[in-house]
Amino acid sequence: MNLIYIEEEKKYVVEDEKNNAIGEGIIREFEASRLYDKRRINYYIHTQSEREDVKLFLVDSFIKIGKLKRLKYPDYDAKLYNCCFSTDLESQMFYKKVPGFVHDEGMLVLSKTLGKEVSIKNQFDLIEDNLESDKMIRNFIEEHSKIFVSVPYSVEKIRVLQKKNELKSYGLFDQDVLIGNVLILKEEDQWWIEDLFVHSDYRKLGVADMLMKTAHNFLIRQEVSNIRLEVWSANKRAVNLYTKLGYELQEESEILIGMSI
């Protein structure tokens, strides 16, 4: 089998000895969100073929490619993986056959039943609806992108969310610096916590706890009884915070199967 890279389509194709395409796949490099103790480069892979041996050939090739690419980042962790929905049993069964691949991360859906409002101690300036102007949105995007480096927002995307969904935002400021933010989004009949982040210089000061409780209080005033959020299981700091706030596991919606490289 021969592996050929098609530049314009950003994908690899496997050909047999007669130059017939018998499979294809992708490997995408990006930096993980800066929520972990050590920065990490991710290599997402996906394979397609009717033949399992071709898919295994692709995965083996991607492991070799990933190990070479990650040499550019000697101070980073690196992970190569496939991510699929928890209902995609076929993909899970296949990738678990790859030597060294394990299911060690997943997207957790957590839920909390809301009760009464709580009092909040705050040493910074809390601004409600801090995404009203384009200038305020750009400020949010600048700080958000420092944490969620591979999940870019734009002014247009925020405006679309504001029109399509009920969107609430709370920003916490130290003078003119946005040090933390939480979005609350309603999709159909369910409210979700989205994109909670804290500036790296202001962690361990209770900022995330304060923003979460502020969001809870807002929802309680709207007579909302349940709130949900999604968090990667490897983000231990966030999982611990949400657990302390009374969130419980509902399901694992996505499954990550791969290996450190």
Protein backbone atom coordinates (compact mmCIF):
# COMPACT_ATOMS: atom_id res chain seq x y z
CA MET A 1 0.00 0.00 0.00
CA ASN A 2 1.13 3.53 -0.80
CA LEU A 3 0.28 6.66 1.21
CA ILE A 4 -0.19 9.85 -0.81
CA TYR A 5 -0.84 13.34 0.56
CA ILE A 6 -3.23 15.55 -1.42
CA GLU A 7 -2.31 19.12 -0.51
CA GLU A 8 -5.39 20.90 -1.87
CA GLU A 9 -7.72 18.58 0.05
CA LYS A 10 -5.54 18.33 3.18
CA LYS A 11 -5.93 14.56 3.32
CA TYR A 12 -4.00 11.35 2.81
CA VAL A 13 -5.06 8.65 0.33
CA VAL A 14 -4.04 5.00 0.36
CA GLU A 15 -3.56 3.31 -3.00
CA ASP A 16 -3.10 -0.36 -3.81
CA GLU A 17 -0.50 -1.78 -6.19
CA LYS A 18 -2.75 -0.83 -9.13
CA ASN A 19 -3.02 2.77 -7.95
CA ASN A 20 -6.64 2.35 -6.93
CA ALA A 21 -7.74 4.45 -3.96
CA ILE A 22 -8.71 2.06 -1.17
CA GLY A 23 -8.86 4.43 1.79
CA GLU A 24 -8.29 7.95 3.02
CA GLY A 25 -7.72 9.82 6.24
CA ILE A 26 -6.77 13.07 7.91
CA ILE A 27 -4.47 14.21 10.70
CA ARG A 28 -5.03 17.68 12.14
CA GLU A 29 -2.57 19.45 14.44
CA PHE A 30 -3.80 22.07 16.92
CA GLU A 31 -3.02 23.31 20.40
CA ALA A 32 -5.32 22.13 23.16
CA SER A 33 -7.09 24.69 25.30
CA ARG A 34 -4.76 26.11 27.95
CA LEU A 35 -6.72 24.64 30.82
CA TYR A 36 -4.30 21.90 31.73
CA ASP A 37 -1.26 21.90 33.98
CA LYS A 38 1.00 21.58 30.92
CA ARG A 39 0.41 22.85 27.41
CA ARG A 40 -0.50 20.16 24.87
CA ILE A 41 -0.51 19.67 21.12
CA ASN A 42 -3.33 17.53 19.78
CA TYR A 43 -3.29 15.39 16.65
CA TYR A 44 -6.82 14.45 15.66
CA ILE A 45 -7.05 11.59 13.17
CA HIS A 46 -9.85 10.08 11.14
CA THR A 47 -9.77 7.12 8.73
CA GLN A 48 -12.13 5.85 6.07
CA SER A 49 -12.01 2.51 4.23
CA GLU A 50 -14.05 -0.63 3.75
CA ARG A 51 -10.96 -2.61 4.76
CA GLU A 52 -9.80 -2.73 8.36
CA ASP A 53 -6.19 -3.42 7.36
CA VAL A 54 -6.16 -0.19 5.35
CA LYS A 55 -7.50 1.80 8.30
CA LEU A 56 -4.86 0.26 10.57
CA PHE A 57 -2.21 1.16 7.99
CA LEU A 58 -3.45 4.76 8.06
CA VAL A 59 -3.39 4.92 11.86
CA ASP A 60 0.13 3.49 11.98
CA SER A 61 1.22 6.06 9.38
CA PHE A 62 -0.39 8.89 11.35
CA ILE A 63 1.37 7.80 14.53
CA LYS A 64 4.71 8.07 12.71
CA ILE A 65 3.73 11.45 11.20
CA GLY A 66 2.51 12.74 14.56
CA LYS A 67 5.71 11.74 16.34
CA LEU A 68 7.74 13.67 13.78
CA LYS A 69 5.50 16.75 13.91
CA ARG A 70 5.51 16.93 17.70
CA LEU A 71 9.31 17.31 17.72
CA LYS A 72 8.63 21.01 17.06
CA TYR A 73 7.16 21.24 20.57
CA PRO A 74 9.73 19.73 22.98
CA ASP A 75 8.19 21.43 26.03
CA TYR A 76 4.62 20.31 25.27
CA ASP A 77 2.70 17.14 25.90
CA ALA A 78 1.28 15.65 22.71
CA LYS A 79 -1.65 13.36 22.05
CA LEU A 80 -2.82 11.59 18.91
CA TYR A 81 -6.42 10.40 18.95
CA ASN A 82 -9.78 9.92 17.34
CA CYS A 83 -12.85 11.48 18.95
CA CYS A 84 -16.31 10.04 18.33
CA PHE A 85 -19.78 10.19 19.81
CA SER A 86 -20.46 7.76 22.61
CA THR A 87 -23.08 6.10 20.40
CA ASP A 88 -20.55 5.36 17.63
CA LEU A 89 -19.68 1.86 18.76
CA GLU A 90 -18.13 0.89 15.42
CA SER A 91 -15.44 3.58 15.66
CA GLN A 92 -14.78 2.77 19.30
CA MET A 93 -14.31 -0.94 18.57
CA PHE A 94 -11.92 -0.19 15.71
CA TYR A 95 -9.66 2.31 17.47
CA LYS A 96 -9.42 0.16 20.58
CA LYS A 97 -7.74 -2.45 18.35
CA VAL A 98 -4.83 -0.09 17.69
CA PRO A 99 -1.85 -1.05 19.89
CA GLY A 100 -1.32 1.59 22.57
CA PHE A 101 -4.68 3.30 22.03
CA VAL A 102 -6.90 3.67 25.10
CA HIS A 103 -10.11 5.44 25.98
CA ASP A 104 -8.75 7.76 28.66
CA GLU A 105 -10.64 11.01 28.03
CA GLY A 106 -14.18 11.99 27.27
CA MET A 107 -16.59 14.90 27.10
CA LEU A 108 -18.69 14.80 30.26
CA VAL A 109 -22.17 16.27 30.48
CA LEU A 110 -22.73 17.48 34.04
CA SER A 111 -26.00 18.66 35.51
CA LYS A 112 -27.07 20.60 38.60
CA THR A 113 -30.47 21.14 40.19
CA LEU A 114 -30.69 24.76 41.23
CA GLY A 115 -31.98 25.80 44.62
CA LYS A 116 -31.90 29.21 46.31
CA GLU A 117 -29.76 32.22 45.51
CA VAL A 118 -26.49 32.47 47.41
CA SER A 119 -24.54 35.50 48.56
CA ILE A 120 -21.29 36.18 46.73
CA LYS A 121 -18.16 37.93 47.90
CA ASN A 122 -16.45 39.79 45.09
CA GLN A 123 -13.35 41.99 45.08
CA PHE A 124 -13.53 42.80 41.36
CA ASP A 125 -15.98 44.60 39.05
CA LEU A 126 -18.78 42.41 37.71
CA ILE A 127 -20.40 43.60 34.48
CA GLU A 128 -23.64 42.01 33.35
CA ASP A 129 -24.32 41.73 29.60
CA ASN A 130 -20.73 42.66 28.75
CA LEU A 131 -21.16 41.71 25.07
CA GLU A 132 -23.49 44.51 23.99
CA SER A 133 -21.09 46.43 21.75
CA ASP A 134 -18.65 45.21 19.09
CA LYS A 135 -15.80 46.67 21.16
CA MET A 136 -16.85 44.64 24.20
CA ILE A 137 -17.18 41.49 22.08
CA ARG A 138 -13.69 41.97 20.64
CA ASN A 139 -12.32 42.36 24.17
CA PHE A 140 -14.01 39.10 25.13
CA ILE A 141 -12.64 37.34 22.04
CA GLU A 142 -9.09 38.53 22.76
CA GLU A 143 -9.10 37.09 26.28
CA HIS A 144 -11.10 33.97 25.34
CA SER A 145 -8.59 33.07 22.61
CA LYS A 146 -5.73 33.09 25.13
CA ILE A 147 -7.35 30.11 26.83
CA PHE A 148 -9.38 28.38 24.12
CA VAL A 149 -6.73 28.78 21.43
CA SER A 150 -8.33 26.39 18.92
CA VAL A 151 -11.96 27.50 19.40
CA PRO A 152 -12.06 30.99 17.85
CA TYR A 153 -15.03 33.29 18.20
CA SER A 154 -15.83 36.26 15.99
CA VAL A 155 -18.07 39.26 16.40
CA GLU A 156 -20.38 37.76 13.80
CA LYS A 157 -20.58 34.42 15.61
CA ILE A 158 -21.49 36.12 18.90
CA ARG A 159 -24.14 38.19 17.14
CA VAL A 160 -25.64 35.05 15.59
CA LEU A 161 -25.78 33.37 19.00
CA GLN A 162 -27.46 36.44 20.44
CA LYS A 163 -30.13 36.35 17.72
CA LYS A 164 -30.72 32.59 17.64
CA ASN A 165 -30.53 31.79 21.34
CA GLU A 166 -31.04 33.39 24.69
CA LEU A 167 -27.50 34.37 25.60
CA LYS A 168 -26.36 35.88 28.88
CA SER A 169 -22.82 36.96 29.70
CA TYR A 170 -21.05 38.06 32.88
CA GLY A 171 -17.57 39.53 32.75
CA LEU A 172 -15.32 40.14 35.73
CA PHE A 173 -12.90 43.04 35.43
CA ASP A 174 -9.86 44.29 37.32
CA GLN A 175 -10.05 47.92 36.21
CA ASP A 176 -10.05 47.56 32.39
CA VAL A 177 -8.77 43.97 32.26
CA LEU A 178 -11.26 41.16 31.64
CA ILE A 179 -10.07 38.55 34.12
CA GLY A 180 -12.90 36.06 33.81
CA ASN A 181 -16.09 35.41 31.89
CA VAL A 182 -19.00 33.03 31.76
CA LEU A 183 -21.64 32.59 29.07
CA ILE A 184 -25.09 31.15 29.75
CA LEU A 185 -26.86 29.84 26.67
CA LYS A 186 -30.35 28.47 26.15
CA GLU A 187 -30.70 25.78 23.47
CA GLU A 188 -34.27 24.66 22.93
CA ASP A 189 -35.54 24.26 26.53
CA GLN A 190 -32.19 23.66 28.23
CA TRP A 191 -29.82 26.22 29.74
CA TRP A 192 -26.06 25.57 29.47
CA ILE A 193 -22.94 27.07 31.00
CA GLU A 194 -20.53 27.84 28.15
CA ASP A 195 -16.91 28.97 27.89
CA LEU A 196 -16.10 29.73 31.49
CA PHE A 197 -12.55 31.04 31.62
CA VAL A 198 -10.24 32.83 34.03
CA HIS A 199 -7.17 34.89 33.12
CA SER A 200 -4.04 32.89 34.03
CA ASP A 201 -2.82 35.65 36.38
CA TYR A 202 -6.02 35.52 38.44
CA ARG A 203 -6.44 31.82 39.10
CA LYS A 204 -6.85 30.44 42.62
CA LEU A 205 -8.60 33.65 43.70
CA GLY A 206 -12.13 32.25 43.56
CA VAL A 207 -12.96 33.94 40.23
CA ALA A 208 -14.43 30.84 38.59
CA ASP A 209 -16.47 30.00 41.70
CA MET A 210 -17.87 33.55 41.80
CA LEU A 211 -18.80 33.57 38.12
CA MET A 212 -20.53 30.20 38.37
CA LYS A 213 -22.56 31.27 41.41
CA THR A 214 -23.47 34.50 39.61
CA ALA A 215 -24.75 32.46 36.68
CA HIS A 216 -26.72 30.21 39.02
CA ASN A 217 -28.33 33.18 40.75
CA PHE A 218 -29.40 34.65 37.41
CA LEU A 219 -31.03 31.38 36.37
CA ILE A 220 -32.76 30.96 39.73
CA ARG A 221 -34.32 34.41 39.25
CA GLN A 222 -35.58 33.18 35.87
CA GLU A 223 -37.15 30.21 37.67
CA VAL A 224 -34.83 27.77 35.90
CA SER A 225 -34.52 24.52 37.83
CA ASN A 226 -31.69 22.75 35.99
CA ILE A 227 -28.39 23.79 34.39
CA ARG A 228 -25.95 21.72 32.37
CA LEU A 229 -22.42 22.05 31.05
CA GLU A 230 -19.81 20.05 29.15
CA VAL A 231 -16.24 19.53 30.29
CA TRP A 232 -13.39 17.29 29.17
CA SER A 233 -12.61 14.70 31.83
CA ALA A 234 -8.87 15.55 31.62
CA ASN A 235 -9.61 19.10 32.80
CA LYS A 236 -9.34 18.05 36.44
CA ARG A 237 -9.34 21.60 37.79
CA ALA A 238 -12.72 22.35 36.20
CA VAL A 239 -14.21 18.95 37.06
CA ASN A 240 -13.27 19.48 40.71
CA LEU A 241 -14.83 22.96 40.71
CA TYR A 242 -18.10 21.76 39.21
CA THR A 243 -18.27 18.80 41.59
CA LYS A 244 -17.84 21.11 44.58
CA LEU A 245 -20.66 23.26 43.20
CA GLY A 246 -23.00 20.27 43.18
CA TYR A 247 -22.82 19.12 39.55
CA GLU A 248 -23.35 15.45 38.83
CA LEU A 249 -22.49 13.30 35.83
CA GLN A 250 -25.29 12.76 33.33
CA GLU A 251 -23.44 11.07 30.49
CA GLU A 252 -20.26 10.94 28.46
CA SER A 253 -21.27 12.44 25.13
CA GLU A 254 -17.96 12.07 23.25
CA ILE A 255 -15.15 9.56 23.63
CA LEU A 256 -11.48 10.19 22.95
CA ILE A 257 -9.40 7.13 22.08
CA GLY A 258 -5.70 7.53 21.45
CA MET A 259 -2.21 7.69 22.87
CA SER A 260 0.43 10.12 24.07
CA ILE A 261 3.23 10.54 21.57
